[in-house]
């Protein structure tokens, strides 16, 4: 059963909000009578977002670059900028 919690009550009884999200389902948090957030269980979150991959995984799955392209990317200028007197 979805229960609605005022923000101040949800903060004061956060452990119960989390427990109920795991047992009873989503828990709605309101601020001044307006729904602002929903607390759901970790299992429910994973069910809703099953194919989330990390940013590192996304980069590693990108295109393979040939050696010439990698050398061009890694070539750095020796210019250290202008000297500034402090």
PDB file of N, CA and C in Angstrom:
ATOM      1  N   UNK A   1       0.842  -1.175   0.000  1.00  0.00           N
ATOM      2  CA  UNK A   1       0.000   0.000   0.000  1.00  0.00           C
ATOM      3  C   UNK A   1       0.895   1.249   0.000  1.00  0.00           C
ATOM      4  N   UNK A   2       0.619   2.186  -0.893  1.00  0.00           N
ATOM      5  CA  UNK A   2       1.380   3.415  -0.966  1.00  0.00           C
ATOM      6  C   UNK A   2       0.964   4.323   0.178  1.00  0.00           C
ATOM      7  N   UNK A   3       1.942   4.781   0.939  1.00  0.00           N
ATOM      8  CA  UNK A   3       1.680   5.679   2.061  1.00  0.00           C
ATOM      9  C   UNK A   3       2.329   7.015   1.754  1.00  0.00           C
ATOM     10  N   UNK A   4       1.700   8.063   2.168  1.00  0.00           N
ATOM     11  CA  UNK A   4       2.225   9.402   1.983  1.00  0.00           C
ATOM     12  C   UNK A   4       2.786   9.915   3.306  1.00  0.00           C
ATOM     13  N   UNK A   5       3.968  10.470   3.236  1.00  0.00           N
ATOM     14  CA  UNK A   5       4.649  10.997   4.422  1.00  0.00           C
ATOM     15  C   UNK A   5       4.956  12.467   4.208  1.00  0.00           C
ATOM     16  N   UNK A   6       4.655  13.294   5.212  1.00  0.00           N
ATOM     17  CA  UNK A   6       5.129  14.680   5.194  1.00  0.00           C
ATOM     18  C   UNK A   6       6.652  14.627   5.358  1.00  0.00           C
ATOM     19  N   UNK A   7       7.355  15.532   4.718  1.00  0.00           N
ATOM     20  CA  UNK A   7       8.815  15.509   4.732  1.00  0.00           C
ATOM     21  C   UNK A   7       9.367  15.452   6.150  1.00  0.00           C
ATOM     22  N   UNK A   8       8.832  16.246   7.057  1.00  0.00           N
ATOM     23  CA  UNK A   8       9.363  16.263   8.423  1.00  0.00           C
ATOM     24  C   UNK A   8       9.157  14.914   9.113  1.00  0.00           C
ATOM     25  N   UNK A   9       8.032  14.252   8.836  1.00  0.00           N
ATOM     26  CA  UNK A   9       7.788  12.925   9.407  1.00  0.00           C
ATOM     27  C   UNK A   9       8.709  11.882   8.778  1.00  0.00           C
ATOM     28  N   UNK A  10       8.903  11.986   7.469  1.00  0.00           N
ATOM     29  CA  UNK A  10       9.776  11.035   6.775  1.00  0.00           C
ATOM     30  C   UNK A  10      11.207  11.153   7.289  1.00  0.00           C
ATOM     31  N   UNK A  11      11.656  12.383   7.556  1.00  0.00           N
ATOM     32  CA  UNK A  11      13.007  12.566   8.098  1.00  0.00           C
ATOM     33  C   UNK A  11      13.111  11.979   9.497  1.00  0.00           C
ATOM     34  N   UNK A  12      12.106  12.216  10.309  1.00  0.00           N
ATOM     35  CA  UNK A  12      12.138  11.752  11.693  1.00  0.00           C
ATOM     36  C   UNK A  12      12.012  10.231  11.790  1.00  0.00           C
ATOM     37  N   UNK A  13      11.330   9.621  10.821  1.00  0.00           N
ATOM     38  CA  UNK A  13      11.084   8.173  10.878  1.00  0.00           C
ATOM     39  C   UNK A  13      11.621   7.485   9.618  1.00  0.00           C
ATOM     40  N   UNK A  14      12.800   7.909   9.181  1.00  0.00           N
ATOM     41  CA  UNK A  14      13.363   7.420   7.919  1.00  0.00           C
ATOM     42  C   UNK A  14      13.508   5.903   7.889  1.00  0.00           C
ATOM     43  N   UNK A  15      13.942   5.311   8.987  1.00  0.00           N
ATOM     44  CA  UNK A  15      14.082   3.847   9.029  1.00  0.00           C
ATOM     45  C   UNK A  15      12.757   3.159   8.727  1.00  0.00           C
ATOM     46  N   UNK A  16      11.682   3.695   9.254  1.00  0.00           N
ATOM     47  CA  UNK A  16      10.369   3.107   8.997  1.00  0.00           C
ATOM     48  C   UNK A  16       9.952   3.316   7.547  1.00  0.00           C
ATOM     49  N   UNK A  17      10.256   4.475   6.991  1.00  0.00           N
ATOM     50  CA  UNK A  17       9.935   4.738   5.586  1.00  0.00           C
ATOM     51  C   UNK A  17      10.638   3.711   4.701  1.00  0.00           C
ATOM     52  N   UNK A  18      11.931   3.465   4.970  1.00  0.00           N
ATOM     53  CA  UNK A  18      12.690   2.501   4.178  1.00  0.00           C
ATOM     54  C   UNK A  18      12.141   1.089   4.379  1.00  0.00           C
ATOM     55  N   UNK A  19      11.843   0.728   5.607  1.00  0.00           N
ATOM     56  CA  UNK A  19      11.293  -0.607   5.878  1.00  0.00           C
ATOM     57  C   UNK A  19       9.981  -0.806   5.134  1.00  0.00           C
ATOM     58  N   UNK A  20       9.112   0.191   5.200  1.00  0.00           N
ATOM     59  CA  UNK A  20       7.819   0.077   4.514  1.00  0.00           C
ATOM     60  C   UNK A  20       7.981   0.043   2.996  1.00  0.00           C
ATOM     61  N   UNK A  21       8.975   0.752   2.473  1.00  0.00           N
ATOM     62  CA  UNK A  21       9.225   0.697   1.029  1.00  0.00           C
ATOM     63  C   UNK A  21       9.601  -0.716   0.620  1.00  0.00           C
ATOM     64  N   UNK A  22      10.331  -1.427   1.469  1.00  0.00           N
ATOM     65  CA  UNK A  22      10.719  -2.805   1.183  1.00  0.00           C
ATOM     66  C   UNK A  22       9.559  -3.779   1.367  1.00  0.00           C
ATOM     67  N   UNK A  23       8.675  -3.509   2.318  1.00  0.00           N
ATOM     68  CA  UNK A  23       7.587  -4.442   2.634  1.00  0.00           C
ATOM     69  C   UNK A  23       6.307  -4.093   1.875  1.00  0.00           C
ATOM     70  N   UNK A  24       5.898  -2.820   1.925  1.00  0.00           N
ATOM     71  CA  UNK A  24       4.590  -2.412   1.411  1.00  0.00           C
ATOM     72  C   UNK A  24       4.636  -1.799   0.017  1.00  0.00           C
ATOM     73  N   UNK A  25       5.814  -1.391  -0.444  1.00  0.00           N
ATOM     74  CA  UNK A  25       5.912  -0.750  -1.756  1.00  0.00           C
ATOM     75  C   UNK A  25       6.287   0.712  -1.631  1.00  0.00           C
ATOM     76  N   UNK A  26       6.195   1.449  -2.732  1.00  0.00           N
ATOM     77  CA  UNK A  26       6.644   2.848  -2.769  1.00  0.00           C
ATOM     78  C   UNK A  26       6.016   3.716  -1.678  1.00  0.00           C
ATOM     79  N   UNK A  27       6.828   4.611  -1.137  1.00  0.00           N
ATOM     80  CA  UNK A  27       6.393   5.551  -0.099  1.00  0.00           C
ATOM     81  C   UNK A  27       6.576   6.974  -0.644  1.00  0.00           C
ATOM     82  N   UNK A  28       5.507   7.729  -0.683  1.00  0.00           N
ATOM     83  CA  UNK A  28       5.523   9.075  -1.242  1.00  0.00           C
ATOM     84  C   UNK A  28       5.874  10.076  -0.149  1.00  0.00           C
ATOM     85  N   UNK A  29       6.784  10.997  -0.463  1.00  0.00           N
ATOM     86  CA  UNK A  29       7.166  12.053   0.475  1.00  0.00           C
ATOM     87  C   UNK A  29       6.633  13.373  -0.076  1.00  0.00           C
ATOM     88  N   UNK A  30       5.916  14.103   0.775  1.00  0.00           N
ATOM     89  CA  UNK A  30       5.343  15.381   0.354  1.00  0.00           C
ATOM     90  C   UNK A  30       6.003  16.539   1.086  1.00  0.00           C
ATOM     91  N   UNK A  31       5.984  17.690   0.441  1.00  0.00           N
ATOM     92  CA  UNK A  31       6.474  18.926   1.048  1.00  0.00           C
ATOM     93  C   UNK A  31       5.390  19.969   0.840  1.00  0.00           C
ATOM     94  N   UNK A  32       4.845  20.436   1.935  1.00  0.00           N
ATOM     95  CA  UNK A  32       3.730  21.403   1.901  1.00  0.00           C
ATOM     96  C   UNK A  32       2.567  20.877   1.064  1.00  0.00           C
ATOM     97  N   UNK A  33       2.313  19.576   1.222  1.00  0.00           N
ATOM     98  CA  UNK A  33       1.173  18.957   0.555  1.00  0.00           C
ATOM     99  C   UNK A  33       1.396  18.564  -0.899  1.00  0.00           C
ATOM    100  N   UNK A  34       2.585  18.829  -1.427  1.00  0.00           N
ATOM    101  CA  UNK A  34       2.886  18.504  -2.824  1.00  0.00           C
ATOM    102  C   UNK A  34       3.846  17.317  -2.866  1.00  0.00           C
ATOM    103  N   UNK A  35       3.523  16.304  -3.669  1.00  0.00           N
ATOM    104  CA  UNK A  35       4.405  15.143  -3.794  1.00  0.00           C
ATOM    105  C   UNK A  35       5.743  15.573  -4.383  1.00  0.00           C
ATOM    106  N   UNK A  36       6.834  15.255  -3.670  1.00  0.00           N
ATOM    107  CA  UNK A  36       8.168  15.678  -4.105  1.00  0.00           C
ATOM    108  C   UNK A  36       9.118  14.520  -4.354  1.00  0.00           C
ATOM    109  N   UNK A  37       8.895  13.373  -3.706  1.00  0.00           N
ATOM    110  CA  UNK A  37       9.818  12.248  -3.854  1.00  0.00           C
ATOM    111  C   UNK A  37       9.087  10.948  -3.569  1.00  0.00           C
ATOM    112  N   UNK A  38       9.698   9.859  -4.037  1.00  0.00           N
ATOM    113  CA  UNK A  38       9.175   8.525  -3.759  1.00  0.00           C
ATOM    114  C   UNK A  38      10.342   7.657  -3.307  1.00  0.00           C
ATOM    115  N   UNK A  39      10.178   6.972  -2.196  1.00  0.00           N
ATOM    116  CA  UNK A  39      11.185   6.038  -1.693  1.00  0.00           C
ATOM    117  C   UNK A  39      10.749   4.646  -2.120  1.00  0.00           C
ATOM    118  N   UNK A  40      11.650   3.941  -2.848  1.00  0.00           N
ATOM    119  CA  UNK A  40      11.360   2.578  -3.289  1.00  0.00           C
ATOM    120  C   UNK A  40      12.474   1.654  -2.823  1.00  0.00           C
ATOM    121  N   UNK A  41      12.203   0.368  -2.832  1.00  0.00           N
ATOM    122  CA  UNK A  41      13.217  -0.606  -2.430  1.00  0.00           C
ATOM    123  C   UNK A  41      14.305  -0.694  -3.492  1.00  0.00           C
ATOM    124  N   UNK A  42      15.468  -1.183  -3.085  1.00  0.00           N
ATOM    125  CA  UNK A  42      16.574  -1.363  -4.025  1.00  0.00           C
ATOM    126  C   UNK A  42      16.197  -2.368  -5.101  1.00  0.00           C
ATOM    127  N   UNK A  43      15.464  -3.426  -4.738  1.00  0.00           N
ATOM    128  CA  UNK A  43      15.022  -4.417  -5.725  1.00  0.00           C
ATOM    129  C   UNK A  43      14.116  -3.787  -6.773  1.00  0.00           C
ATOM    130  N   UNK A  44      13.214  -2.935  -6.333  1.00  0.00           N
ATOM    131  CA  UNK A  44      12.309  -2.251  -7.262  1.00  0.00           C
ATOM    132  C   UNK A  44      13.099  -1.324  -8.182  1.00  0.00           C
ATOM    133  N   UNK A  45      14.078  -0.625  -7.629  1.00  0.00           N
ATOM    134  CA  UNK A  45      14.912   0.257  -8.438  1.00  0.00           C
ATOM    135  C   UNK A  45      15.646  -0.538  -9.514  1.00  0.00           C
ATOM    136  N   UNK A  46      16.251  -1.675  -9.118  1.00  0.00           N
ATOM    137  CA  UNK A  46      16.962  -2.512 -10.097  1.00  0.00           C
ATOM    138  C   UNK A  46      16.005  -3.057 -11.158  1.00  0.00           C
ATOM    139  N   UNK A  47      14.774  -3.362 -10.767  1.00  0.00           N
ATOM    140  CA  UNK A  47      13.791  -3.846 -11.736  1.00  0.00           C
ATOM    141  C   UNK A  47      13.451  -2.751 -12.747  1.00  0.00           C
ATOM    142  N   UNK A  48      13.368  -1.514 -12.274  1.00  0.00           N
ATOM    143  CA  UNK A  48      13.038  -0.402 -13.161  1.00  0.00           C
ATOM    144  C   UNK A  48      14.204   0.010 -14.050  1.00  0.00           C
ATOM    145  N   UNK A  49      15.431  -0.223 -13.590  1.00  0.00           N
ATOM    146  CA  UNK A  49      16.644   0.173 -14.330  1.00  0.00           C
ATOM    147  C   UNK A  49      17.598  -1.011 -14.452  1.00  0.00           C
ATOM    148  N   UNK A  50      17.224  -2.032 -15.184  1.00  0.00           N
ATOM    149  CA  UNK A  50      18.034  -3.252 -15.211  1.00  0.00           C
ATOM    150  C   UNK A  50      19.347  -3.124 -15.976  1.00  0.00           C
ATOM    151  N   UNK A  51      19.417  -2.251 -16.954  1.00  0.00           N
ATOM    152  CA  UNK A  51      20.604  -2.213 -17.807  1.00  0.00           C
ATOM    153  C   UNK A  51      21.499  -1.001 -17.561  1.00  0.00           C
ATOM    154  N   UNK A  52      21.451  -0.488 -16.372  1.00  0.00           N
ATOM    155  CA  UNK A  52      22.304   0.656 -16.060  1.00  0.00           C
ATOM    156  C   UNK A  52      23.742   0.200 -16.004  1.00  0.00           C
ATOM    157  N   UNK A  53      24.588   0.854 -16.748  1.00  0.00           N
ATOM    158  CA  UNK A  53      26.008   0.528 -16.721  1.00  0.00           C
ATOM    159  C   UNK A  53      26.781   1.752 -16.246  1.00  0.00           C
ATOM    160  N   UNK A  54      27.972   1.504 -15.786  1.00  0.00           N
ATOM    161  CA  UNK A  54      28.766   2.606 -15.260  1.00  0.00           C
ATOM    162  C   UNK A  54      29.336   3.439 -16.405  1.00  0.00           C
ATOM    163  N   UNK A  55      29.745   4.640 -16.091  1.00  0.00           N
ATOM    164  CA  UNK A  55      30.350   5.531 -17.075  1.00  0.00           C
ATOM    165  C   UNK A  55      31.631   4.909 -17.624  1.00  0.00           C
ATOM    166  N   UNK A  56      32.416   4.266 -16.747  1.00  0.00           N
ATOM    167  CA  UNK A  56      33.662   3.627 -17.178  1.00  0.00           C
ATOM    168  C   UNK A  56      33.358   2.515 -18.177  1.00  0.00           C
ATOM    169  N   UNK A  57      32.344   1.699 -17.904  1.00  0.00           N
ATOM    170  CA  UNK A  57      31.968   0.631 -18.831  1.00  0.00           C
ATOM    171  C   UNK A  57      31.558   1.201 -20.186  1.00  0.00           C
ATOM    172  N   UNK A  58      30.819   2.297 -20.168  1.00  0.00           N
ATOM    173  CA  UNK A  58      30.396   2.928 -21.423  1.00  0.00           C
ATOM    174  C   UNK A  58      31.614   3.392 -22.222  1.00  0.00           C
ATOM    175  N   UNK A  59      32.608   3.969 -21.542  1.00  0.00           N
ATOM    176  CA  UNK A  59      33.817   4.407 -22.241  1.00  0.00           C
ATOM    177  C   UNK A  59      34.593   3.228 -22.807  1.00  0.00           C
ATOM    178  N   UNK A  60      34.717   2.166 -22.013  1.00  0.00           N
ATOM    179  CA  UNK A  60      35.480   1.001 -22.455  1.00  0.00           C
ATOM    180  C   UNK A  60      34.802   0.271 -23.611  1.00  0.00           C
ATOM    181  N   UNK A  61      33.499   0.409 -23.750  1.00  0.00           N
ATOM    182  CA  UNK A  61      32.777  -0.241 -24.839  1.00  0.00           C
ATOM    183  C   UNK A  61      32.759   0.608 -26.102  1.00  0.00           C
ATOM    184  N   UNK A  62      33.439   1.737 -26.083  1.00  0.00           N
ATOM    185  CA  UNK A  62      33.478   2.628 -27.230  1.00  0.00           C
ATOM    186  C   UNK A  62      34.320   2.050 -28.360  1.00  0.00           C
ATOM    187  N   UNK A  63      34.481   2.827 -29.434  1.00  0.00           N
ATOM    188  CA  UNK A  63      35.230   2.328 -30.588  1.00  0.00           C
ATOM    189  C   UNK A  63      36.705   2.121 -30.265  1.00  0.00           C
ATOM    190  N   UNK A  64      37.308   1.164 -30.964  1.00  0.00           N
ATOM    191  CA  UNK A  64      38.741   0.916 -30.829  1.00  0.00           C
ATOM    192  C   UNK A  64      39.470   1.868 -31.757  1.00  0.00           C
ATOM    193  N   UNK A  65      40.470   2.558 -31.249  1.00  0.00           N
ATOM    194  CA  UNK A  65      41.221   3.525 -32.040  1.00  0.00           C
ATOM    195  C   UNK A  65      42.525   2.912 -32.511  1.00  0.00           C
ATOM    196  N   UNK A  66      42.918   3.255 -33.740  1.00  0.00           N
ATOM    197  CA  UNK A  66      44.193   2.747 -34.244  1.00  0.00           C
ATOM    198  C   UNK A  66      45.347   3.505 -33.581  1.00  0.00           C
ATOM    199  N   UNK A  67      46.564   2.973 -33.688  1.00  0.00           N
ATOM    200  CA  UNK A  67      47.733   3.545 -33.011  1.00  0.00           C
ATOM    201  C   UNK A  67      48.013   4.975 -33.433  1.00  0.00           C
ATOM    202  N   UNK A  68      47.812   5.293 -34.706  1.00  0.00           N
ATOM    203  CA  UNK A  68      48.063   6.656 -35.181  1.00  0.00           C
ATOM    204  C   UNK A  68      47.140   7.663 -34.516  1.00  0.00           C
ATOM    205  N   UNK A  69      45.883   7.311 -34.361  1.00  0.00           N
ATOM    206  CA  UNK A  69      44.915   8.198 -33.710  1.00  0.00           C
ATOM    207  C   UNK A  69      45.268   8.384 -32.241  1.00  0.00           C
ATOM    208  N   UNK A  70      45.663   7.296 -31.578  1.00  0.00           N
ATOM    209  CA  UNK A  70      46.049   7.378 -30.165  1.00  0.00           C
ATOM    210  C   UNK A  70      47.266   8.275 -30.011  1.00  0.00           C
ATOM    211  N   UNK A  71      48.262   8.137 -30.916  1.00  0.00           N
ATOM    212  CA  UNK A  71      49.455   9.000 -30.858  1.00  0.00           C
ATOM    213  C   UNK A  71      49.083  10.467 -31.046  1.00  0.00           C
ATOM    214  N   UNK A  72      48.178  10.744 -31.955  1.00  0.00           N
ATOM    215  CA  UNK A  72      47.742  12.123 -32.187  1.00  0.00           C
ATOM    216  C   UNK A  72      47.048  12.689 -30.951  1.00  0.00           C
ATOM    217  N   UNK A  73      46.207  11.902 -30.323  1.00  0.00           N
ATOM    218  CA  UNK A  73      45.506  12.351 -29.125  1.00  0.00           C
ATOM    219  C   UNK A  73      46.497  12.610 -27.984  1.00  0.00           C
ATOM    220  N   UNK A  74      47.495  11.751 -27.860  1.00  0.00           N
ATOM    221  CA  UNK A  74      48.438  11.855 -26.745  1.00  0.00           C
ATOM    222  C   UNK A  74      49.542  12.877 -26.960  1.00  0.00           C
ATOM    223  N   UNK A  75      49.710  13.371 -28.182  1.00  0.00           N
ATOM    224  CA  UNK A  75      50.751  14.361 -28.444  1.00  0.00           C
ATOM    225  C   UNK A  75      50.379  15.656 -27.726  1.00  0.00           C
ATOM    226  N   UNK A  76      51.280  16.150 -26.939  1.00  0.00           N
ATOM    227  CA  UNK A  76      51.013  17.361 -26.159  1.00  0.00           C
ATOM    228  C   UNK A  76      52.004  18.459 -26.561  1.00  0.00           C
ATOM    229  N   UNK A  77      51.543  19.663 -26.475  1.00  0.00           N
ATOM    230  CA  UNK A  77      52.400  20.806 -26.765  1.00  0.00           C
ATOM    231  C   UNK A  77      53.343  21.048 -25.587  1.00  0.00           C
ATOM    232  N   UNK A  78      54.561  21.514 -25.901  1.00  0.00           N
ATOM    233  CA  UNK A  78      55.514  21.863 -24.848  1.00  0.00           C
ATOM    234  C   UNK A  78      55.258  23.272 -24.300  1.00  0.00           C
ATOM    235  N   UNK A  79      54.331  23.991 -24.894  1.00  0.00           N
ATOM    236  CA  UNK A  79      54.025  25.350 -24.465  1.00  0.00           C
ATOM    237  C   UNK A  79      53.434  25.317 -23.060  1.00  0.00           C
ATOM    238  N   UNK A  80      54.080  25.993 -22.143  1.00  0.00           N
ATOM    239  CA  UNK A  80      53.603  26.026 -20.761  1.00  0.00           C
ATOM    240  C   UNK A  80      52.864  27.330 -20.450  1.00  0.00           C
ATOM    241  N   UNK A  81      52.538  28.082 -21.466  1.00  0.00           N
ATOM    242  CA  UNK A  81      51.827  29.326 -21.240  1.00  0.00           C
ATOM    243  C   UNK A  81      52.783  30.460 -20.915  1.00  0.00           C
ATOM    244  N   UNK A  82      52.253  31.628 -20.660  1.00  0.00           N
ATOM    245  CA  UNK A  82      53.115  32.775 -20.384  1.00  0.00           C
ATOM    246  C   UNK A  82      53.537  32.798 -18.915  1.00  0.00           C
ATOM    247  N   UNK A  83      54.643  33.453 -18.656  1.00  0.00           N
ATOM    248  CA  UNK A  83      55.123  33.594 -17.287  1.00  0.00           C
ATOM    249  C   UNK A  83      54.401  34.773 -16.648  1.00  0.00           C
ATOM    250  N   UNK A  84      53.989  34.592 -15.444  1.00  0.00           N
ATOM    251  CA  UNK A  84      53.266  35.620 -14.723  1.00  0.00           C
ATOM    252  C   UNK A  84      54.052  35.953 -13.465  1.00  0.00           C
ATOM    253  N   UNK A  85      54.304  37.251 -13.275  1.00  0.00           N
ATOM    254  CA  UNK A  85      54.992  37.690 -12.052  1.00  0.00           C
ATOM    255  C   UNK A  85      53.949  37.852 -10.952  1.00  0.00           C
ATOM    256  N   UNK A  86      54.248  37.271  -9.820  1.00  0.00           N
ATOM    257  CA  UNK A  86      53.335  37.383  -8.681  1.00  0.00           C
ATOM    258  C   UNK A  86      53.913  38.289  -7.628  1.00  0.00           C
TER     259      UNK A  86
END
